[in-house]
N, C-alpha and C. Protein backbone atom coordinates (compact mmCIF):
# COMPACT_ATOMS: atom_id res chain seq x y z
N UNK A 1 0.83 -1.19 0.00
CA UNK A 1 0.00 0.00 0.00
C UNK A 1 0.87 1.25 0.00
N UNK A 2 2.01 1.19 0.66
CA UNK A 2 2.90 2.35 0.71
C UNK A 2 3.28 2.79 -0.70
N UNK A 3 3.68 1.83 -1.53
CA UNK A 3 4.09 2.19 -2.91
C UNK A 3 2.93 2.79 -3.69
N UNK A 4 1.73 2.27 -3.50
CA UNK A 4 0.57 2.84 -4.19
C UNK A 4 0.30 4.26 -3.73
N UNK A 5 0.41 4.48 -2.42
CA UNK A 5 0.20 5.83 -1.90
C UNK A 5 1.26 6.80 -2.41
N UNK A 6 2.48 6.33 -2.59
CA UNK A 6 3.56 7.21 -3.05
C UNK A 6 3.29 7.78 -4.44
N UNK A 7 2.44 7.13 -5.20
CA UNK A 7 2.08 7.67 -6.53
C UNK A 7 1.18 8.90 -6.42
N UNK A 8 0.64 9.15 -5.24
CA UNK A 8 -0.33 10.23 -5.05
C UNK A 8 0.17 11.39 -4.20
N UNK A 9 1.45 11.35 -3.83
CA UNK A 9 1.96 12.43 -2.98
C UNK A 9 3.48 12.50 -3.07
N UNK A 10 4.04 13.50 -2.44
CA UNK A 10 5.49 13.65 -2.43
C UNK A 10 6.17 12.83 -1.36
N UNK A 11 5.46 12.58 -0.24
CA UNK A 11 6.08 11.87 0.88
C UNK A 11 5.05 11.07 1.65
N UNK A 12 5.35 9.81 1.85
CA UNK A 12 4.55 8.93 2.71
C UNK A 12 5.39 8.65 3.94
N UNK A 13 4.77 8.77 5.11
CA UNK A 13 5.49 8.39 6.32
C UNK A 13 4.55 7.77 7.34
N UNK A 14 5.15 7.08 8.29
CA UNK A 14 4.42 6.34 9.32
C UNK A 14 4.61 7.02 10.66
N UNK A 15 3.52 7.15 11.38
CA UNK A 15 3.57 7.61 12.77
C UNK A 15 3.06 6.47 13.66
N UNK A 16 3.97 5.79 14.36
CA UNK A 16 3.54 4.74 15.28
C UNK A 16 2.65 5.33 16.38
N UNK A 17 1.59 4.64 16.71
CA UNK A 17 0.67 5.07 17.76
C UNK A 17 0.79 4.18 18.99
N UNK A 18 1.01 2.90 18.75
CA UNK A 18 1.09 1.94 19.85
C UNK A 18 1.90 0.74 19.39
N UNK A 19 2.87 0.34 20.19
CA UNK A 19 3.68 -0.84 19.92
C UNK A 19 3.96 -1.52 21.25
N UNK A 20 3.44 -2.74 21.40
CA UNK A 20 3.60 -3.44 22.67
C UNK A 20 3.18 -4.90 22.52
N UNK A 21 3.54 -5.69 23.51
CA UNK A 21 3.05 -7.06 23.56
C UNK A 21 1.70 -7.07 24.27
N UNK A 22 0.80 -7.93 23.78
CA UNK A 22 -0.52 -8.09 24.38
C UNK A 22 -0.81 -9.58 24.53
N UNK A 23 -1.85 -9.88 25.31
CA UNK A 23 -2.28 -11.27 25.49
C UNK A 23 -3.41 -11.59 24.51
N UNK A 24 -3.70 -12.86 24.38
CA UNK A 24 -4.78 -13.29 23.50
C UNK A 24 -6.12 -12.66 23.91
N UNK A 25 -6.35 -12.55 25.21
CA UNK A 25 -7.60 -11.95 25.69
C UNK A 25 -7.77 -10.51 25.22
N UNK A 26 -6.68 -9.81 24.99
CA UNK A 26 -6.74 -8.41 24.56
C UNK A 26 -7.02 -8.27 23.06
N UNK A 27 -7.00 -9.37 22.32
CA UNK A 27 -7.19 -9.30 20.88
C UNK A 27 -8.64 -9.27 20.44
N UNK A 28 -9.54 -9.75 21.26
CA UNK A 28 -10.94 -9.82 20.84
C UNK A 28 -11.09 -10.79 19.69
N UNK A 29 -11.91 -10.42 18.71
CA UNK A 29 -12.20 -11.32 17.59
C UNK A 29 -10.99 -11.58 16.68
N UNK A 30 -9.97 -10.77 16.77
CA UNK A 30 -8.76 -11.01 15.98
C UNK A 30 -8.10 -12.34 16.34
N UNK A 31 -8.30 -12.79 17.58
CA UNK A 31 -7.70 -14.04 18.04
C UNK A 31 -8.15 -15.22 17.19
N UNK A 32 -9.35 -15.15 16.62
CA UNK A 32 -9.86 -16.23 15.78
C UNK A 32 -9.00 -16.45 14.53
N UNK A 33 -8.25 -15.44 14.13
CA UNK A 33 -7.47 -15.50 12.89
C UNK A 33 -6.03 -15.95 13.10
N UNK A 34 -5.64 -16.16 14.37
CA UNK A 34 -4.24 -16.46 14.68
C UNK A 34 -4.14 -17.66 15.61
N UNK A 35 -3.02 -18.37 15.54
CA UNK A 35 -2.84 -19.50 16.47
C UNK A 35 -2.67 -19.02 17.90
N UNK A 36 -2.93 -19.93 18.82
CA UNK A 36 -2.75 -19.62 20.23
C UNK A 36 -1.28 -19.32 20.51
N UNK A 37 -1.04 -18.30 21.31
CA UNK A 37 0.32 -17.89 21.63
C UNK A 37 0.32 -17.24 23.01
N UNK A 38 1.43 -17.32 23.74
CA UNK A 38 1.46 -16.67 25.05
C UNK A 38 1.42 -15.14 24.95
N UNK A 39 1.96 -14.59 23.87
CA UNK A 39 1.95 -13.14 23.65
C UNK A 39 1.90 -12.85 22.16
N UNK A 40 1.47 -11.62 21.85
CA UNK A 40 1.39 -11.15 20.47
C UNK A 40 1.97 -9.74 20.43
N UNK A 41 2.72 -9.45 19.38
CA UNK A 41 3.21 -8.10 19.17
C UNK A 41 2.11 -7.32 18.47
N UNK A 42 1.75 -6.17 19.03
CA UNK A 42 0.72 -5.31 18.47
C UNK A 42 1.38 -4.02 18.01
N UNK A 43 1.11 -3.65 16.78
CA UNK A 43 1.62 -2.39 16.23
C UNK A 43 0.46 -1.66 15.58
N UNK A 44 0.20 -0.44 16.05
CA UNK A 44 -0.83 0.41 15.45
C UNK A 44 -0.15 1.67 14.95
N UNK A 45 -0.45 2.02 13.69
CA UNK A 45 0.20 3.18 13.07
C UNK A 45 -0.82 3.99 12.28
N UNK A 46 -0.42 5.21 11.99
CA UNK A 46 -1.12 6.04 11.01
C UNK A 46 -0.15 6.21 9.85
N UNK A 47 -0.62 5.95 8.65
CA UNK A 47 0.17 6.18 7.44
C UNK A 47 -0.31 7.49 6.83
N UNK A 48 0.62 8.41 6.63
CA UNK A 48 0.28 9.75 6.13
C UNK A 48 0.88 9.98 4.75
N UNK A 49 0.15 10.67 3.93
CA UNK A 49 0.65 11.13 2.63
C UNK A 49 0.66 12.64 2.64
N UNK A 50 1.84 13.23 2.44
CA UNK A 50 1.99 14.69 2.52
C UNK A 50 1.32 15.24 3.78
N UNK A 51 1.57 14.56 4.90
CA UNK A 51 1.09 14.94 6.23
C UNK A 51 -0.42 14.84 6.42
N UNK A 52 -1.12 14.18 5.49
CA UNK A 52 -2.55 13.92 5.65
C UNK A 52 -2.74 12.46 6.06
N UNK A 53 -3.50 12.18 7.12
CA UNK A 53 -3.70 10.79 7.53
C UNK A 53 -4.57 10.04 6.51
N UNK A 54 -3.97 9.00 5.94
CA UNK A 54 -4.64 8.23 4.89
C UNK A 54 -5.07 6.85 5.34
N UNK A 55 -4.40 6.28 6.33
CA UNK A 55 -4.68 4.90 6.68
C UNK A 55 -4.33 4.64 8.14
N UNK A 56 -5.18 3.88 8.82
CA UNK A 56 -4.85 3.34 10.13
C UNK A 56 -4.48 1.88 9.91
N UNK A 57 -3.33 1.49 10.41
CA UNK A 57 -2.88 0.11 10.28
C UNK A 57 -2.72 -0.54 11.63
N UNK A 58 -3.12 -1.80 11.70
CA UNK A 58 -3.00 -2.56 12.95
C UNK A 58 -2.44 -3.93 12.57
N UNK A 59 -1.31 -4.28 13.15
CA UNK A 59 -0.66 -5.55 12.89
C UNK A 59 -0.58 -6.34 14.20
N UNK A 60 -0.96 -7.60 14.13
CA UNK A 60 -0.89 -8.49 15.29
C UNK A 60 -0.04 -9.69 14.88
N UNK A 61 1.01 -9.95 15.66
CA UNK A 61 1.99 -10.97 15.30
C UNK A 61 2.21 -11.91 16.49
N UNK A 62 1.91 -13.20 16.32
CA UNK A 62 2.18 -14.14 17.40
C UNK A 62 3.67 -14.19 17.73
N UNK A 63 3.96 -14.43 18.98
CA UNK A 63 5.35 -14.50 19.44
C UNK A 63 6.17 -15.49 18.60
N UNK A 64 5.57 -16.59 18.21
CA UNK A 64 6.28 -17.62 17.45
C UNK A 64 6.69 -17.15 16.05
N UNK A 65 6.05 -16.12 15.54
CA UNK A 65 6.43 -15.57 14.23
C UNK A 65 7.70 -14.72 14.36
N UNK A 66 7.96 -14.22 15.55
CA UNK A 66 9.08 -13.30 15.78
C UNK A 66 10.36 -14.06 16.08
N UNK A 67 10.79 -14.86 15.11
CA UNK A 67 12.02 -15.63 15.27
C UNK A 67 12.99 -15.28 14.14
N UNK A 68 14.25 -15.52 14.38
CA UNK A 68 15.26 -15.25 13.36
C UNK A 68 15.22 -13.81 12.91
N UNK A 69 15.36 -13.59 11.60
CA UNK A 69 15.37 -12.21 11.09
C UNK A 69 14.03 -11.49 11.28
N UNK A 70 12.94 -12.24 11.44
CA UNK A 70 11.63 -11.61 11.59
C UNK A 70 11.41 -11.00 12.97
N UNK A 71 12.36 -11.19 13.88
CA UNK A 71 12.32 -10.48 15.16
C UNK A 71 12.42 -8.97 14.92
N UNK A 72 12.93 -8.57 13.76
CA UNK A 72 13.01 -7.14 13.39
C UNK A 72 11.65 -6.48 13.33
N UNK A 73 10.57 -7.25 13.25
CA UNK A 73 9.22 -6.68 13.21
C UNK A 73 8.88 -5.88 14.46
N UNK A 74 9.54 -6.14 15.57
CA UNK A 74 9.26 -5.37 16.78
C UNK A 74 10.01 -4.04 16.81
N UNK A 75 10.90 -3.83 15.85
CA UNK A 75 11.70 -2.59 15.82
C UNK A 75 11.50 -1.79 14.54
N UNK A 76 10.33 -1.87 13.92
CA UNK A 76 10.11 -1.16 12.65
C UNK A 76 10.06 0.34 12.84
N UNK A 77 9.58 0.80 13.99
CA UNK A 77 9.51 2.25 14.22
C UNK A 77 8.70 2.93 13.13
N UNK A 78 9.33 3.85 12.40
CA UNK A 78 8.63 4.60 11.36
C UNK A 78 8.74 3.95 9.98
N UNK A 79 9.32 2.78 9.90
CA UNK A 79 9.39 2.05 8.63
C UNK A 79 8.02 1.44 8.32
N UNK A 80 7.49 1.66 7.13
CA UNK A 80 6.22 1.03 6.78
C UNK A 80 6.35 -0.50 6.78
N UNK A 81 5.35 -1.17 7.30
CA UNK A 81 5.35 -2.62 7.36
C UNK A 81 5.57 -3.24 5.99
N UNK A 82 4.93 -2.68 4.97
CA UNK A 82 5.06 -3.22 3.62
C UNK A 82 6.49 -3.23 3.12
N UNK A 83 7.28 -2.25 3.50
CA UNK A 83 8.69 -2.22 3.08
C UNK A 83 9.43 -3.45 3.61
N UNK A 84 9.09 -3.86 4.83
CA UNK A 84 9.72 -5.04 5.41
C UNK A 84 9.14 -6.31 4.77
N UNK A 85 7.82 -6.41 4.76
CA UNK A 85 7.19 -7.64 4.29
C UNK A 85 7.51 -7.97 2.84
N UNK A 86 7.41 -6.97 1.99
CA UNK A 86 7.56 -7.25 0.56
C UNK A 86 9.01 -7.30 0.11
N UNK A 87 9.93 -7.18 1.05
CA UNK A 87 11.34 -7.42 0.73
C UNK A 87 11.67 -8.90 0.93
N UNK A 88 10.72 -9.67 1.45
CA UNK A 88 10.93 -11.09 1.71
C UNK A 88 10.45 -11.93 0.54
N UNK A 89 11.24 -12.93 0.18
CA UNK A 89 10.83 -13.88 -0.85
C UNK A 89 9.87 -14.92 -0.29
N UNK A 90 9.71 -14.93 1.03
CA UNK A 90 8.92 -15.97 1.69
C UNK A 90 7.58 -15.45 2.21
N UNK A 91 7.04 -14.39 1.58
CA UNK A 91 5.76 -13.83 2.00
C UNK A 91 4.63 -14.44 1.18
N UNK A 92 3.61 -14.94 1.87
CA UNK A 92 2.40 -15.42 1.20
C UNK A 92 1.19 -14.84 1.93
N UNK A 93 0.05 -14.87 1.24
CA UNK A 93 -1.19 -14.35 1.83
C UNK A 93 -2.20 -15.50 1.88
N UNK A 94 -2.73 -15.76 3.08
CA UNK A 94 -3.78 -16.78 3.22
C UNK A 94 -5.11 -16.27 2.68
N UNK A 95 -5.44 -15.02 3.01
CA UNK A 95 -6.69 -14.44 2.54
C UNK A 95 -6.66 -12.93 2.73
N UNK A 96 -7.59 -12.27 2.05
CA UNK A 96 -7.84 -10.85 2.26
C UNK A 96 -9.35 -10.68 2.34
N UNK A 97 -9.83 -10.05 3.40
CA UNK A 97 -11.24 -9.75 3.57
C UNK A 97 -11.41 -8.24 3.41
N UNK A 98 -12.39 -7.86 2.62
CA UNK A 98 -12.66 -6.45 2.37
C UNK A 98 -14.05 -6.13 2.91
N UNK A 99 -14.16 -4.98 3.56
CA UNK A 99 -15.46 -4.58 4.11
C UNK A 99 -15.50 -3.10 4.37
N UNK A 100 -16.54 -2.70 5.06
CA UNK A 100 -16.71 -1.29 5.39
C UNK A 100 -16.92 -1.14 6.89
N UNK A 101 -16.40 -0.06 7.41
CA UNK A 101 -16.68 0.35 8.78
C UNK A 101 -17.29 1.73 8.66
N UNK A 102 -18.57 1.80 8.87
CA UNK A 102 -19.34 3.00 8.58
C UNK A 102 -19.13 3.34 7.10
N UNK A 103 -18.67 4.53 6.76
CA UNK A 103 -18.49 4.90 5.36
C UNK A 103 -17.08 4.62 4.85
N UNK A 104 -16.24 4.03 5.68
CA UNK A 104 -14.84 3.83 5.31
C UNK A 104 -14.56 2.39 4.89
N UNK A 105 -13.71 2.24 3.88
CA UNK A 105 -13.27 0.92 3.45
C UNK A 105 -12.21 0.38 4.41
N UNK A 106 -12.24 -0.92 4.57
CA UNK A 106 -11.25 -1.59 5.41
C UNK A 106 -10.89 -2.92 4.76
N UNK A 107 -9.73 -3.43 5.12
CA UNK A 107 -9.37 -4.77 4.67
C UNK A 107 -8.51 -5.44 5.73
N UNK A 108 -8.60 -6.75 5.76
CA UNK A 108 -7.83 -7.54 6.71
C UNK A 108 -7.19 -8.69 5.93
N UNK A 109 -5.91 -8.88 6.17
CA UNK A 109 -5.16 -9.96 5.52
C UNK A 109 -4.43 -10.79 6.57
N UNK A 110 -4.48 -12.10 6.38
CA UNK A 110 -3.57 -12.94 7.15
C UNK A 110 -2.44 -13.30 6.21
N UNK A 111 -1.26 -12.88 6.60
CA UNK A 111 -0.05 -13.10 5.81
C UNK A 111 0.81 -14.13 6.52
N UNK A 112 1.76 -14.67 5.77
CA UNK A 112 2.72 -15.61 6.36
C UNK A 112 4.11 -15.24 5.88
N UNK A 113 5.02 -15.15 6.84
CA UNK A 113 6.44 -14.95 6.57
C UNK A 113 7.12 -16.28 6.85
N UNK A 114 7.69 -16.88 5.84
CA UNK A 114 8.32 -18.19 5.99
C UNK A 114 7.36 -19.17 6.67
N UNK A 115 6.08 -19.09 6.32
CA UNK A 115 5.08 -19.98 6.86
C UNK A 115 4.51 -19.56 8.20
N UNK A 116 4.99 -18.48 8.79
CA UNK A 116 4.56 -18.03 10.12
C UNK A 116 3.56 -16.88 9.97
N UNK A 117 2.39 -16.95 10.68
CA UNK A 117 1.31 -16.00 10.44
C UNK A 117 1.46 -14.65 11.13
N UNK A 118 0.80 -13.66 10.52
CA UNK A 118 0.57 -12.36 11.14
C UNK A 118 -0.71 -11.80 10.54
N UNK A 119 -1.36 -10.92 11.26
CA UNK A 119 -2.64 -10.36 10.84
C UNK A 119 -2.49 -8.86 10.64
N UNK A 120 -2.91 -8.38 9.48
CA UNK A 120 -2.83 -6.96 9.16
C UNK A 120 -4.22 -6.44 8.85
N UNK A 121 -4.64 -5.40 9.57
CA UNK A 121 -5.92 -4.74 9.35
C UNK A 121 -5.65 -3.29 8.97
N UNK A 122 -6.32 -2.83 7.91
CA UNK A 122 -6.12 -1.46 7.42
C UNK A 122 -7.47 -0.78 7.27
N UNK A 123 -7.57 0.43 7.78
CA UNK A 123 -8.77 1.25 7.65
C UNK A 123 -8.38 2.48 6.84
N UNK A 124 -9.03 2.66 5.71
CA UNK A 124 -8.71 3.77 4.80
C UNK A 124 -9.49 5.01 5.22
N UNK A 125 -8.76 6.02 5.66
CA UNK A 125 -9.34 7.25 6.19
C UNK A 125 -9.89 8.13 5.07
N UNK A 126 -10.79 9.09 5.38
CA UNK A 126 -11.46 9.90 4.35
C UNK A 126 -10.52 10.62 3.39
N UNK A 127 -9.33 11.04 3.84
CA UNK A 127 -8.41 11.76 2.95
C UNK A 127 -7.63 10.83 2.02
N UNK A 128 -7.79 9.53 2.19
CA UNK A 128 -7.05 8.57 1.37
C UNK A 128 -7.35 8.78 -0.12
N UNK A 129 -6.34 8.68 -0.97
CA UNK A 129 -6.57 8.80 -2.41
C UNK A 129 -7.46 7.68 -2.95
N UNK A 130 -7.66 6.65 -2.18
CA UNK A 130 -8.55 5.56 -2.58
C UNK A 130 -9.92 6.10 -2.95
N UNK A 131 -10.41 7.06 -2.19
CA UNK A 131 -11.76 7.58 -2.41
C UNK A 131 -11.80 8.56 -3.59
N UNK A 132 -10.71 9.24 -3.84
CA UNK A 132 -10.67 10.23 -4.93
C UNK A 132 -10.43 9.59 -6.28
N UNK A 133 -9.69 8.50 -6.32
CA UNK A 133 -9.28 7.93 -7.61
C UNK A 133 -10.10 6.73 -8.03
N UNK A 134 -10.95 6.24 -7.15
CA UNK A 134 -11.72 5.06 -7.49
C UNK A 134 -10.90 3.78 -7.47
N UNK A 135 -9.75 3.81 -6.82
CA UNK A 135 -8.92 2.62 -6.69
C UNK A 135 -9.67 1.56 -5.90
N UNK A 136 -9.20 0.36 -5.99
CA UNK A 136 -9.80 -0.74 -5.26
C UNK A 136 -9.00 -1.04 -4.00
N UNK A 137 -9.66 -1.37 -2.90
CA UNK A 137 -8.97 -1.74 -1.69
C UNK A 137 -8.31 -3.11 -1.84
N UNK A 138 -8.71 -3.86 -2.84
CA UNK A 138 -8.14 -5.20 -3.06
C UNK A 138 -6.80 -5.13 -3.76
N UNK A 139 -6.44 -3.98 -4.30
CA UNK A 139 -5.16 -3.86 -5.02
C UNK A 139 -3.99 -4.12 -4.13
């Protein structure tokens, strides 16, 4: 999504909002999409294009996914998740669900890095170019 957004502005950047470990009980219905784990890494960010908030992103990663080089997922800071994920030759997608939350488009994907799952939820905010250009959230 970062690369797509870059076509619509001069600068895309990430502002982390929350990064911490949480328990399965704190995940709510998201827990249904992930294997049981003692802890999960939670990362919530705002993705901005030319300082306009375009997307809210929420990533949930089971502790077992955070092994080897993928332990770097807990230290992304202002790096967009997509920059990390799509640099891997071992990224696959189990599914993508598209829906709406009120008037806003949203999508949820369960991805796998080297066979290990993570859950990514994205909410496209009103200023997102998605609404102006007629782009698809499935892209």
